[in-house]
Amino acid sequence: MKSHRDAKDSARDPRKVIAQLGTTGDELARTLGLDKDATRRMESDDIQRRIGSMLEVLSKVEPRFGSMIMAYAWYRFEPLSGFSGETAMELVRCDRVQDVLTYIDAVNAGVHA
C-alpha cells in the first residue's frame, strides 16, 4: 500500500507531470522559471517545491477548465485581474502561490470576474 508521501512524490514525478500536461521537459523548466539544464536535476527540493506549487494551482482550477491541459494554458497565459497583468505562472515563480490561490478562491466565490 502506498503512503500519502509516496502518492505525493509520484504526483510530482517530472516525467508524469510532463505527460499529463502534454509538454516537454524544457518547456516545464521554463514554466517553473528554470534554465533548460534543470531537467537534469528535477528531483531537487527546490524544483519539487516549484512543481508542487504549480500543481496545487492547476488542481484548483482544473474543474473550471475541464482538463489539466486547459488549466496549464490558463496558468501560463491568462493575466490575472488585480495583479498588473501578471499570470499565475509569473506570480508563482515569485513565490506568490498563496496570492494566486486566494485569487482563485475569490473568483470561485464570485468576487472577481
PDB file of N, CA and C in Angstrom:
ATOM      1  N   MET A   1       0.843  -1.185   0.000  1.00  0.00           N
ATOM      2  CA  MET A   1       0.000   0.000   0.000  1.00  0.00           C
ATOM      3  C   MET A   1       0.890   1.250   0.000  1.00  0.00           C
ATOM      4  N   LYS A   2       0.563   2.196  -0.877  1.00  0.00           N
ATOM      5  CA  LYS A   2       1.338   3.436  -0.957  1.00  0.00           C
ATOM      6  C   LYS A   2       0.945   4.372   0.170  1.00  0.00           C
ATOM      7  N   SER A   3       1.954   5.019   0.738  1.00  0.00           N
ATOM      8  CA  SER A   3       1.677   6.027   1.757  1.00  0.00           C
ATOM      9  C   SER A   3       1.293   7.334   1.062  1.00  0.00           C
ATOM     10  N   HIS A   4       0.762   8.277   1.854  1.00  0.00           N
ATOM     11  CA  HIS A   4       0.413   9.595   1.314  1.00  0.00           C
ATOM     12  C   HIS A   4       1.655  10.247   0.713  1.00  0.00           C
ATOM     13  N   ARG A   5       2.794  10.092   1.379  1.00  0.00           N
ATOM     14  CA  ARG A   5       4.049  10.676   0.887  1.00  0.00           C
ATOM     15  C   ARG A   5       4.428  10.076  -0.463  1.00  0.00           C
ATOM     16  N   ASP A   6       4.295   8.738  -0.614  1.00  0.00           N
ATOM     17  CA  ASP A   6       4.610   8.097  -1.893  1.00  0.00           C
ATOM     18  C   ASP A   6       3.707   8.624  -3.000  1.00  0.00           C
ATOM     19  N   ALA A   7       2.429   8.778  -2.701  1.00  0.00           N
ATOM     20  CA  ALA A   7       1.481   9.293  -3.695  1.00  0.00           C
ATOM     21  C   ALA A   7       1.843  10.721  -4.076  1.00  0.00           C
ATOM     22  N   LYS A   8       2.217  11.529  -3.082  1.00  0.00           N
ATOM     23  CA  LYS A   8       2.602  12.919  -3.340  1.00  0.00           C
ATOM     24  C   LYS A   8       3.862  12.966  -4.197  1.00  0.00           C
ATOM     25  N   ASP A   9       4.866  12.128  -3.858  1.00  0.00           N
ATOM     26  CA  ASP A   9       6.099  12.083  -4.636  1.00  0.00           C
ATOM     27  C   ASP A   9       5.823  11.645  -6.069  1.00  0.00           C
ATOM     28  N   SER A  10       4.947  10.657  -6.227  1.00  0.00           N
ATOM     29  CA  SER A  10       4.595  10.167  -7.552  1.00  0.00           C
ATOM     30  C   SER A  10       3.924  11.265  -8.372  1.00  0.00           C
ATOM     31  N   ALA A  11       3.059  12.039  -7.728  1.00  0.00           N
ATOM     32  CA  ALA A  11       2.356  13.121  -8.418  1.00  0.00           C
ATOM     33  C   ALA A  11       3.331  14.186  -8.897  1.00  0.00           C
ATOM     34  N   ARG A  12       4.446  14.330  -8.215  1.00  0.00           N
ATOM     35  CA  ARG A  12       5.440  15.343  -8.587  1.00  0.00           C
ATOM     36  C   ARG A  12       6.543  14.781  -9.474  1.00  0.00           C
ATOM     37  N   ASP A  13       6.412  13.545  -9.907  1.00  0.00           N
ATOM     38  CA  ASP A  13       7.393  12.949 -10.803  1.00  0.00           C
ATOM     39  C   ASP A  13       7.389  13.762 -12.096  1.00  0.00           C
ATOM     40  N   PRO A  14       8.504  14.416 -12.415  1.00  0.00           N
ATOM     41  CA  PRO A  14       8.537  15.289 -13.592  1.00  0.00           C
ATOM     42  C   PRO A  14       8.080  14.602 -14.875  1.00  0.00           C
ATOM     43  N   ARG A  15       8.427  13.336 -15.055  1.00  0.00           N
ATOM     44  CA  ARG A  15       8.012  12.630 -16.276  1.00  0.00           C
ATOM     45  C   ARG A  15       6.491  12.522 -16.348  1.00  0.00           C
ATOM     46  N   LYS A  16       5.864  12.261 -15.200  1.00  0.00           N
ATOM     47  CA  LYS A  16       4.400  12.153 -15.173  1.00  0.00           C
ATOM     48  C   LYS A  16       3.747  13.518 -15.385  1.00  0.00           C
ATOM     49  N   VAL A  17       4.327  14.545 -14.791  1.00  0.00           N
ATOM     50  CA  VAL A  17       3.794  15.902 -14.962  1.00  0.00           C
ATOM     51  C   VAL A  17       3.895  16.316 -16.424  1.00  0.00           C
ATOM     52  N   ILE A  18       5.038  16.052 -17.047  1.00  0.00           N
ATOM     53  CA  ILE A  18       5.248  16.385 -18.461  1.00  0.00           C
ATOM     54  C   ILE A  18       4.208  15.685 -19.328  1.00  0.00           C
ATOM     55  N   ALA A  19       3.985  14.400 -19.071  1.00  0.00           N
ATOM     56  CA  ALA A  19       2.997  13.640 -19.853  1.00  0.00           C
ATOM     57  C   ALA A  19       1.585  14.163 -19.607  1.00  0.00           C
ATOM     58  N   GLN A  20       1.259  14.422 -18.354  1.00  0.00           N
ATOM     59  CA  GLN A  20      -0.084  14.890 -18.001  1.00  0.00           C
ATOM     60  C   GLN A  20      -0.401  16.236 -18.649  1.00  0.00           C
ATOM     61  N   LEU A  21       0.612  17.092 -18.756  1.00  0.00           N
ATOM     62  CA  LEU A  21       0.402  18.434 -19.301  1.00  0.00           C
ATOM     63  C   LEU A  21       0.660  18.514 -20.802  1.00  0.00           C
ATOM     64  N   GLY A  22       1.118  17.408 -21.396  1.00  0.00           N
ATOM     65  CA  GLY A  22       1.378  17.401 -22.832  1.00  0.00           C
ATOM     66  C   GLY A  22       2.459  18.383 -23.230  1.00  0.00           C
ATOM     67  N   THR A  23       3.518  18.445 -22.438  1.00  0.00           N
ATOM     68  CA  THR A  23       4.584  19.414 -22.673  1.00  0.00           C
ATOM     69  C   THR A  23       5.924  18.695 -22.749  1.00  0.00           C
ATOM     70  N   THR A  24       7.003  19.443 -22.756  1.00  0.00           N
ATOM     71  CA  THR A  24       8.353  18.879 -22.781  1.00  0.00           C
ATOM     72  C   THR A  24       9.078  19.255 -21.491  1.00  0.00           C
ATOM     73  N   GLY A  25      10.188  18.596 -21.249  1.00  0.00           N
ATOM     74  CA  GLY A  25      10.994  18.923 -20.079  1.00  0.00           C
ATOM     75  C   GLY A  25      11.513  20.349 -20.122  1.00  0.00           C
ATOM     76  N   ASP A  26      11.956  20.781 -21.299  1.00  0.00           N
ATOM     77  CA  ASP A  26      12.457  22.155 -21.436  1.00  0.00           C
ATOM     78  C   ASP A  26      11.350  23.172 -21.181  1.00  0.00           C
ATOM     79  N   GLU A  27      10.157  22.889 -21.709  1.00  0.00           N
ATOM     80  CA  GLU A  27       9.036  23.815 -21.517  1.00  0.00           C
ATOM     81  C   GLU A  27       8.607  23.845 -20.053  1.00  0.00           C
ATOM     82  N   LEU A  28       8.588  22.691 -19.403  1.00  0.00           N
ATOM     83  CA  LEU A  28       8.251  22.657 -17.977  1.00  0.00           C
ATOM     84  C   LEU A  28       9.267  23.470 -17.184  1.00  0.00           C
ATOM     85  N   ALA A  29      10.547  23.318 -17.508  1.00  0.00           N
ATOM     86  CA  ALA A  29      11.589  24.087 -16.821  1.00  0.00           C
ATOM     87  C   ALA A  29      11.344  25.586 -16.990  1.00  0.00           C
ATOM     88  N   ARG A  30      11.038  26.029 -18.207  1.00  0.00           N
ATOM     89  CA  ARG A  30      10.761  27.460 -18.438  1.00  0.00           C
ATOM     90  C   ARG A  30       9.535  27.909 -17.652  1.00  0.00           C
ATOM     91  N   THR A  31       8.503  27.081 -17.624  1.00  0.00           N
ATOM     92  CA  THR A  31       7.291  27.419 -16.879  1.00  0.00           C
ATOM     93  C   THR A  31       7.598  27.595 -15.399  1.00  0.00           C
ATOM     94  N   LEU A  32       8.509  26.778 -14.888  1.00  0.00           N
ATOM     95  CA  LEU A  32       8.882  26.849 -13.478  1.00  0.00           C
ATOM     96  C   LEU A  32       9.898  27.953 -13.196  1.00  0.00           C
ATOM     97  N   GLY A  33      10.359  28.638 -14.254  1.00  0.00           N
ATOM     98  CA  GLY A  33      11.334  29.710 -14.084  1.00  0.00           C
ATOM     99  C   GLY A  33      12.755  29.204 -13.954  1.00  0.00           C
ATOM    100  N   LEU A  34      13.043  28.084 -14.604  1.00  0.00           N
ATOM    101  CA  LEU A  34      14.354  27.451 -14.515  1.00  0.00           C
ATOM    102  C   LEU A  34      15.023  27.436 -15.881  1.00  0.00           C
ATOM    103  N   ASP A  35      16.336  27.240 -15.888  1.00  0.00           N
ATOM    104  CA  ASP A  35      17.022  27.114 -17.166  1.00  0.00           C
ATOM    105  C   ASP A  35      16.800  25.707 -17.718  1.00  0.00           C
ATOM    106  N   LYS A  36      17.114  25.524 -19.004  1.00  0.00           N
ATOM    107  CA  LYS A  36      16.829  24.237 -19.642  1.00  0.00           C
ATOM    108  C   LYS A  36      17.636  23.089 -19.044  1.00  0.00           C
ATOM    109  N   ASP A  37      18.759  23.375 -18.404  1.00  0.00           N
ATOM    110  CA  ASP A  37      19.555  22.325 -17.768  1.00  0.00           C
ATOM    111  C   ASP A  37      18.886  21.775 -16.513  1.00  0.00           C
ATOM    112  N   ALA A  38      17.843  22.440 -16.057  1.00  0.00           N
ATOM    113  CA  ALA A  38      17.137  21.998 -14.849  1.00  0.00           C
ATOM    114  C   ALA A  38      16.524  20.620 -15.031  1.00  0.00           C
ATOM    115  N   THR A  39      16.281  20.217 -16.273  1.00  0.00           N
ATOM    116  CA  THR A  39      15.671  18.907 -16.497  1.00  0.00           C
ATOM    117  C   THR A  39      16.563  17.786 -15.976  1.00  0.00           C
ATOM    118  N   ARG A  40      17.818  18.068 -15.770  1.00  0.00           N
ATOM    119  CA  ARG A  40      18.741  17.062 -15.234  1.00  0.00           C
ATOM    120  C   ARG A  40      18.670  16.964 -13.713  1.00  0.00           C
ATOM    121  N   ARG A  41      18.070  17.957 -13.079  1.00  0.00           N
ATOM    122  CA  ARG A  41      18.027  17.952 -11.610  1.00  0.00           C
ATOM    123  C   ARG A  41      16.601  18.144 -11.084  1.00  0.00           C
ATOM    124  N   MET A  42      15.640  17.578 -11.785  1.00  0.00           N
ATOM    125  CA  MET A  42      14.231  17.746 -11.432  1.00  0.00           C
ATOM    126  C   MET A  42      13.872  17.165 -10.065  1.00  0.00           C
ATOM    127  N   GLU A  43      14.735  16.362  -9.498  1.00  0.00           N
ATOM    128  CA  GLU A  43      14.432  15.765  -8.193  1.00  0.00           C
ATOM    129  C   GLU A  43      14.873  16.651  -7.023  1.00  0.00           C
ATOM    130  N   SER A  44      15.516  17.786  -7.296  1.00  0.00           N
ATOM    131  CA  SER A  44      15.979  18.653  -6.207  1.00  0.00           C
ATOM    132  C   SER A  44      14.792  19.197  -5.415  1.00  0.00           C
ATOM    133  N   ASP A  45      15.030  19.521  -4.156  1.00  0.00           N
ATOM    134  CA  ASP A  45      13.956  20.015  -3.287  1.00  0.00           C
ATOM    135  C   ASP A  45      13.322  21.289  -3.838  1.00  0.00           C
ATOM    136  N   ASP A  46      14.136  22.220  -4.345  1.00  0.00           N
ATOM    137  CA  ASP A  46      13.607  23.478  -4.875  1.00  0.00           C
ATOM    138  C   ASP A  46      12.698  23.224  -6.070  1.00  0.00           C
ATOM    139  N   ILE A  47      13.129  22.380  -6.971  1.00  0.00           N
ATOM    140  CA  ILE A  47      12.326  22.106  -8.162  1.00  0.00           C
ATOM    141  C   ILE A  47      11.060  21.348  -7.784  1.00  0.00           C
ATOM    142  N   GLN A  48      11.162  20.418  -6.851  1.00  0.00           N
ATOM    143  CA  GLN A  48       9.979  19.696  -6.389  1.00  0.00           C
ATOM    144  C   GLN A  48       8.983  20.654  -5.734  1.00  0.00           C
ATOM    145  N   ARG A  49       9.480  21.636  -5.004  1.00  0.00           N
ATOM    146  CA  ARG A  49       8.603  22.640  -4.389  1.00  0.00           C
ATOM    147  C   ARG A  49       7.890  23.446  -5.472  1.00  0.00           C
ATOM    148  N   ARG A  50       8.629  23.831  -6.501  1.00  0.00           N
ATOM    149  CA  ARG A  50       8.034  24.599  -7.599  1.00  0.00           C
ATOM    150  C   ARG A  50       6.967  23.782  -8.338  1.00  0.00           C
ATOM    151  N   ILE A  51       7.279  22.514  -8.586  1.00  0.00           N
ATOM    152  CA  ILE A  51       6.296  21.640  -9.239  1.00  0.00           C
ATOM    153  C   ILE A  51       5.061  21.519  -8.356  1.00  0.00           C
ATOM    154  N   GLY A  52       5.273  21.327  -7.053  1.00  0.00           N
ATOM    155  CA  GLY A  52       4.150  21.203  -6.124  1.00  0.00           C
ATOM    156  C   GLY A  52       3.272  22.444  -6.108  1.00  0.00           C
ATOM    157  N   SER A  53       3.889  23.622  -6.121  1.00  0.00           N
ATOM    158  CA  SER A  53       3.125  24.876  -6.136  1.00  0.00           C
ATOM    159  C   SER A  53       2.302  24.990  -7.414  1.00  0.00           C
ATOM    160  N   MET A  54       2.920  24.673  -8.542  1.00  0.00           N
ATOM    161  CA  MET A  54       2.207  24.735  -9.813  1.00  0.00           C
ATOM    162  C   MET A  54       1.040  23.752  -9.820  1.00  0.00           C
ATOM    163  N   LEU A  55       1.284  22.524  -9.370  1.00  0.00           N
ATOM    164  CA  LEU A  55       0.226  21.511  -9.366  1.00  0.00           C
ATOM    165  C   LEU A  55      -0.911  21.879  -8.421  1.00  0.00           C
ATOM    166  N   GLU A  56      -0.588  22.539  -7.320  1.00  0.00           N
ATOM    167  CA  GLU A  56      -1.633  22.977  -6.390  1.00  0.00           C
ATOM    168  C   GLU A  56      -2.583  23.960  -7.081  1.00  0.00           C
ATOM    169  N   VAL A  57      -2.004  24.907  -7.812  1.00  0.00           N
ATOM    170  CA  VAL A  57      -2.820  25.880  -8.544  1.00  0.00           C
ATOM    171  C   VAL A  57      -3.611  25.181  -9.650  1.00  0.00           C
ATOM    172  N   LEU A  58      -2.942  24.341 -10.432  1.00  0.00           N
ATOM    173  CA  LEU A  58      -3.620  23.664 -11.538  1.00  0.00           C
ATOM    174  C   LEU A  58      -4.773  22.796 -11.046  1.00  0.00           C
ATOM    175  N   SER A  59      -4.561  22.096  -9.953  1.00  0.00           N
ATOM    176  CA  SER A  59      -5.612  21.236  -9.401  1.00  0.00           C
ATOM    177  C   SER A  59      -6.822  22.051  -8.964  1.00  0.00           C
ATOM    178  N   LYS A  60      -6.567  23.245  -8.496  1.00  0.00           N
ATOM    179  CA  LYS A  60      -7.658  24.095  -8.014  1.00  0.00           C
ATOM    180  C   LYS A  60      -8.501  24.660  -9.162  1.00  0.00           C
ATOM    181  N   VAL A  61      -7.892  24.883 -10.324  1.00  0.00           N
ATOM    182  CA  VAL A  61      -8.646  25.446 -11.451  1.00  0.00           C
ATOM    183  C   VAL A  61      -9.059  24.404 -12.488  1.00  0.00           C
ATOM    184  N   GLU A  62      -8.545  23.202 -12.393  1.00  0.00           N
ATOM    185  CA  GLU A  62      -8.890  22.165 -13.378  1.00  0.00           C
ATOM    186  C   GLU A  62     -10.400  21.966 -13.530  1.00  0.00           C
ATOM    187  N   PRO A  63     -11.182  21.914 -12.442  1.00  0.00           N
ATOM    188  CA  PRO A  63     -12.628  21.729 -12.621  1.00  0.00           C
ATOM    189  C   PRO A  63     -13.271  22.839 -13.469  1.00  0.00           C
ATOM    190  N   ARG A  64     -12.774  24.044 -13.357  1.00  0.00           N
ATOM    191  CA  ARG A  64     -13.325  25.164 -14.126  1.00  0.00           C
ATOM    192  C   ARG A  64     -13.020  25.025 -15.615  1.00  0.00           C
ATOM    193  N   PHE A  65     -11.834  24.517 -15.935  1.00  0.00           N
ATOM    194  CA  PHE A  65     -11.407  24.449 -17.333  1.00  0.00           C
ATOM    195  C   PHE A  65     -11.651  23.092 -17.988  1.00  0.00           C
ATOM    196  N   GLY A  66     -11.938  22.080 -17.200  1.00  0.00           N
ATOM    197  CA  GLY A  66     -12.296  20.779 -17.757  1.00  0.00           C
ATOM    198  C   GLY A  66     -11.153  19.825 -18.016  1.00  0.00           C
ATOM    199  N   SER A  67      -9.934  20.309 -17.968  1.00  0.00           N
ATOM    200  CA  SER A  67      -8.780  19.421 -18.140  1.00  0.00           C
ATOM    201  C   SER A  67      -7.540  20.093 -17.567  1.00  0.00           C
ATOM    202  N   MET A  68      -6.565  19.267 -17.255  1.00  0.00           N
ATOM    203  CA  MET A  68      -5.312  19.783 -16.731  1.00  0.00           C
ATOM    204  C   MET A  68      -4.572  20.575 -17.814  1.00  0.00           C
ATOM    205  N   ILE A  69      -4.692  20.156 -19.061  1.00  0.00           N
ATOM    206  CA  ILE A  69      -4.012  20.861 -20.154  1.00  0.00           C
ATOM    207  C   ILE A  69      -4.580  22.272 -20.320  1.00  0.00           C
ATOM    208  N   MET A  70      -5.894  22.415 -20.242  1.00  0.00           N
ATOM    209  CA  MET A  70      -6.504  23.748 -20.347  1.00  0.00           C
ATOM    210  C   MET A  70      -6.150  24.597 -19.123  1.00  0.00           C
ATOM    211  N   ALA A  71      -6.101  23.976 -17.953  1.00  0.00           N
ATOM    212  CA  ALA A  71      -5.697  24.695 -16.739  1.00  0.00           C
ATOM    213  C   ALA A  71      -4.253  25.185 -16.881  1.00  0.00           C
ATOM    214  N   TYR A  72      -3.396  24.354 -17.474  1.00  0.00           N
ATOM    215  CA  TYR A  72      -1.991  24.706 -17.695  1.00  0.00           C
ATOM    216  C   TYR A  72      -1.879  25.901 -18.651  1.00  0.00           C
ATOM    217  N   ALA A  73      -2.696  25.921 -19.686  1.00  0.00           N
ATOM    218  CA  ALA A  73      -2.690  27.058 -20.619  1.00  0.00           C
ATOM    219  C   ALA A  73      -3.109  28.331 -19.888  1.00  0.00           C
ATOM    220  N   TRP A  74      -4.160  28.244 -19.077  1.00  0.00           N
ATOM    221  CA  TRP A  74      -4.599  29.402 -18.278  1.00  0.00           C
ATOM    222  C   TRP A  74      -3.464  29.861 -17.367  1.00  0.00           C
ATOM    223  N   TYR A  75      -2.840  28.938 -16.675  1.00  0.00           N
ATOM    224  CA  TYR A  75      -1.758  29.215 -15.728  1.00  0.00           C
ATOM    225  C   TYR A  75      -0.640  30.012 -16.396  1.00  0.00           C
ATOM    226  N   ARG A  76      -0.306  29.637 -17.614  1.00  0.00           N
ATOM    227  CA  ARG A  76       0.824  30.248 -18.300  1.00  0.00           C
ATOM    228  C   ARG A  76       0.495  31.562 -19.001  1.00  0.00           C
ATOM    229  N   PHE A  77      -0.742  31.720 -19.478  1.00  0.00           N
ATOM    230  CA  PHE A  77      -1.002  32.829 -20.394  1.00  0.00           C
ATOM    231  C   PHE A  77      -2.057  33.844 -19.976  1.00  0.00           C
ATOM    232  N   GLU A  78      -2.924  33.527 -19.054  1.00  0.00           N
ATOM    233  CA  GLU A  78      -4.042  34.430 -18.727  1.00  0.00           C
ATOM    234  C   GLU A  78      -3.641  35.436 -17.646  1.00  0.00           C
ATOM    235  N   PRO A  79      -3.616  36.740 -17.974  1.00  0.00           N
ATOM    236  CA  PRO A  79      -3.319  37.750 -16.949  1.00  0.00           C
ATOM    237  C   PRO A  79      -4.413  37.748 -15.879  1.00  0.00           C
ATOM    238  N   LEU A  80      -4.000  37.882 -14.629  1.00  0.00           N
ATOM    239  CA  LEU A  80      -4.954  37.877 -13.521  1.00  0.00           C
ATOM    240  C   LEU A  80      -5.343  39.306 -13.165  1.00  0.00           C
ATOM    241  N   SER A  81      -6.622  39.535 -13.029  1.00  0.00           N
ATOM    242  CA  SER A  81      -7.154  40.838 -12.652  1.00  0.00           C
ATOM    243  C   SER A  81      -6.592  41.252 -11.292  1.00  0.00           C
ATOM    244  N   GLY A  82      -6.106  42.483 -11.217  1.00  0.00           N
ATOM    245  CA  GLY A  82      -5.595  42.996  -9.951  1.00  0.00           C
ATOM    246  C   GLY A  82      -4.123  42.712  -9.696  1.00  0.00           C
ATOM    247  N   PHE A  83      -3.443  42.078 -10.662  1.00  0.00           N
ATOM    248  CA  PHE A  83      -2.025  41.762 -10.486  1.00  0.00           C
ATOM    249  C   PHE A  83      -1.172  42.364 -11.603  1.00  0.00           C
ATOM    250  N   SER A  84      -1.547  43.548 -12.066  1.00  0.00           N
ATOM    251  CA  SER A  84      -0.776  44.291 -13.079  1.00  0.00           C
ATOM    252  C   SER A  84      -0.463  43.449 -14.311  1.00  0.00           C
ATOM    253  N   GLY A  85      -1.415  42.630 -14.717  1.00  0.00           N
ATOM    254  CA  GLY A  85      -1.240  41.845 -15.929  1.00  0.00           C
ATOM    255  C   GLY A  85      -0.391  40.603 -15.784  1.00  0.00           C
ATOM    256  N   GLU A  86       0.012  40.278 -14.569  1.00  0.00           N
ATOM    257  CA  GLU A  86       0.825  39.079 -14.373  1.00  0.00           C
ATOM    258  C   GLU A  86      -0.052  37.831 -14.416  1.00  0.00           C
ATOM    259  N   THR A  87       0.547  36.749 -14.884  1.00  0.00           N
ATOM    260  CA  THR A  87      -0.148  35.466 -14.935  1.00  0.00           C
ATOM    261  C   THR A  87       0.092  34.704 -13.636  1.00  0.00           C
ATOM    262  N   ALA A  88      -0.672  33.645 -13.448  1.00  0.00           N
ATOM    263  CA  ALA A  88      -0.448  32.779 -12.286  1.00  0.00           C
ATOM    264  C   ALA A  88       0.987  32.252 -12.312  1.00  0.00           C
ATOM    265  N   MET A  89       1.472  31.878 -13.492  1.00  0.00           N
ATOM    266  CA  MET A  89       2.832  31.369 -13.626  1.00  0.00           C
ATOM    267  C   MET A  89       3.849  32.391 -13.111  1.00  0.00           C
ATOM    268  N   GLU A  90       3.695  33.636 -13.522  1.00  0.00           N
ATOM    269  CA  GLU A  90       4.648  34.672 -13.109  1.00  0.00           C
ATOM    270  C   GLU A  90       4.598  34.903 -11.603  1.00  0.00           C
ATOM    271  N   LEU A  91       3.415  34.880 -11.037  1.00  0.00           N
ATOM    272  CA  LEU A  91       3.277  35.079  -9.590  1.00  0.00           C
ATOM    273  C   LEU A  91       3.870  33.908  -8.815  1.00  0.00           C
ATOM    274  N   VAL A  92       3.596  32.688  -9.264  1.00  0.00           N
ATOM    275  CA  VAL A  92       4.128  31.511  -8.567  1.00  0.00           C
ATOM    276  C   VAL A  92       5.650  31.488  -8.657  1.00  0.00           C
ATOM    277  N   ARG A  93       6.209  31.894  -9.787  1.00  0.00           N
ATOM    278  CA  ARG A  93       7.673  31.975  -9.918  1.00  0.00           C
ATOM    279  C   ARG A  93       8.278  32.891  -8.856  1.00  0.00           C
ATOM    280  N   CYS A  94       7.522  33.906  -8.427  1.00  0.00           N
ATOM    281  CA  CYS A  94       7.986  34.869  -7.414  1.00  0.00           C
ATOM    282  C   CYS A  94       7.530  34.470  -6.011  1.00  0.00           C
ATOM    283  N   ASP A  95       7.231  33.195  -5.824  1.00  0.00           N
ATOM    284  CA  ASP A  95       6.797  32.661  -4.520  1.00  0.00           C
ATOM    285  C   ASP A  95       5.520  33.310  -4.012  1.00  0.00           C
ATOM    286  N   ARG A  96       4.605  33.631  -4.930  1.00  0.00           N
ATOM    287  CA  ARG A  96       3.325  34.234  -4.545  1.00  0.00           C
ATOM    288  C   ARG A  96       2.171  33.264  -4.792  1.00  0.00           C
ATOM    289  N   VAL A  97       2.440  31.984  -4.576  1.00  0.00           N
ATOM    290  CA  VAL A  97       1.407  30.969  -4.802  1.00  0.00           C
ATOM    291  C   VAL A  97       0.179  31.234  -3.938  1.00  0.00           C
ATOM    292  N   GLN A  98       0.379  31.695  -2.710  1.00  0.00           N
ATOM    293  CA  GLN A  98      -0.770  31.953  -1.837  1.00  0.00           C
ATOM    294  C   GLN A  98      -1.653  33.063  -2.405  1.00  0.00           C
ATOM    295  N   ASP A  99      -1.050  34.075  -3.022  1.00  0.00           N
ATOM    296  CA  ASP A  99      -1.835  35.131  -3.668  1.00  0.00           C
ATOM    297  C   ASP A  99      -2.691  34.553  -4.797  1.00  0.00           C
ATOM    298  N   VAL A 100      -2.113  33.639  -5.563  1.00  0.00           N
ATOM    299  CA  VAL A 100      -2.850  33.018  -6.667  1.00  0.00           C
ATOM    300  C   VAL A 100      -4.002  32.177  -6.124  1.00  0.00           C
ATOM    301  N   LEU A 101      -3.735  31.395  -5.087  1.00  0.00           N
ATOM    302  CA  LEU A 101      -4.786  30.552  -4.502  1.00  0.00           C
ATOM    303  C   LEU A 101      -5.914  31.398  -3.917  1.00  0.00           C
ATOM    304  N   THR A 102      -5.555  32.510  -3.284  1.00  0.00           N
ATOM    305  CA  THR A 102      -6.565  33.424  -2.736  1.00  0.00           C
ATOM    306  C   THR A 102      -7.390  34.031  -3.868  1.00  0.00           C
ATOM    307  N   TYR A 103      -6.726  34.407  -4.956  1.00  0.00           N
ATOM    308  CA  TYR A 103      -7.420  34.944  -6.132  1.00  0.00           C
ATOM    309  C   TYR A 103      -8.411  33.913  -6.681  1.00  0.00           C
ATOM    310  N   ILE A 104      -7.970  32.669  -6.817  1.00  0.00           N
ATOM    311  CA  ILE A 104      -8.846  31.611  -7.339  1.00  0.00           C
ATOM    312  C   ILE A 104     -10.053  31.428  -6.428  1.00  0.00           C
ATOM    313  N   ASP A 105      -9.822  31.432  -5.114  1.00  0.00           N
ATOM    314  CA  ASP A 105     -10.940  31.316  -4.166  1.00  0.00           C
ATOM    315  C   ASP A 105     -11.923  32.475  -4.345  1.00  0.00           C
ATOM    316  N   ALA A 106     -11.387  33.681  -4.555  1.00  0.00           N
ATOM    317  CA  ALA A 106     -12.250  34.852  -4.747  1.00  0.00           C
ATOM    318  C   ALA A 106     -13.064  34.726  -6.034  1.00  0.00           C
ATOM    319  N   VAL A 107     -12.426  34.269  -7.106  1.00  0.00           N
ATOM    320  CA  VAL A 107     -13.146  34.066  -8.369  1.00  0.00           C
ATOM    321  C   VAL A 107     -14.235  33.017  -8.175  1.00  0.00           C
ATOM    322  N   ASN A 108     -13.892  31.922  -7.509  1.00  0.00           N
ATOM    323  CA  ASN A 108     -14.872  30.857  -7.273  1.00  0.00           C
ATOM    324  C   ASN A 108     -16.045  31.339  -6.426  1.00  0.00           C
ATOM    325  N   ALA A 109     -15.790  32.325  -5.562  1.00  0.00           N
ATOM    326  CA  ALA A 109     -16.849  32.880  -4.708  1.00  0.00           C
ATOM    327  C   ALA A 109     -17.617  34.002  -5.406  1.00  0.00           C
ATOM    328  N   GLY A 110     -17.186  34.360  -6.619  1.00  0.00           N
ATOM    329  CA  GLY A 110     -17.880  35.394  -7.375  1.00  0.00           C
ATOM    330  C   GLY A 110     -17.394  36.808  -7.126  1.00  0.00           C
ATOM    331  N   VAL A 111     -16.265  36.952  -6.437  1.00  0.00           N
ATOM    332  CA  VAL A 111     -15.742  38.287  -6.129  1.00  0.00           C
ATOM    333  C   VAL A 111     -15.104  38.922  -7.360  1.00  0.00           C
ATOM    334  N   HIS A 112     -14.325  38.153  -8.125  1.00  0.00           N
ATOM    335  CA  HIS A 112     -13.677  38.637  -9.358  1.00  0.00           C
ATOM    336  C   HIS A 112     -14.378  38.013 -10.552  1.00  0.00           C
ATOM    337  N   ALA A 113     -14.339  38.725 -11.656  1.00  0.00           N
ATOM    338  CA  ALA A 113     -14.915  38.162 -12.889  1.00  0.00           C
ATOM    339  C   ALA A 113     -13.833  37.976 -13.923  1.00  0.00           C
TER     340      ALA A 113
END
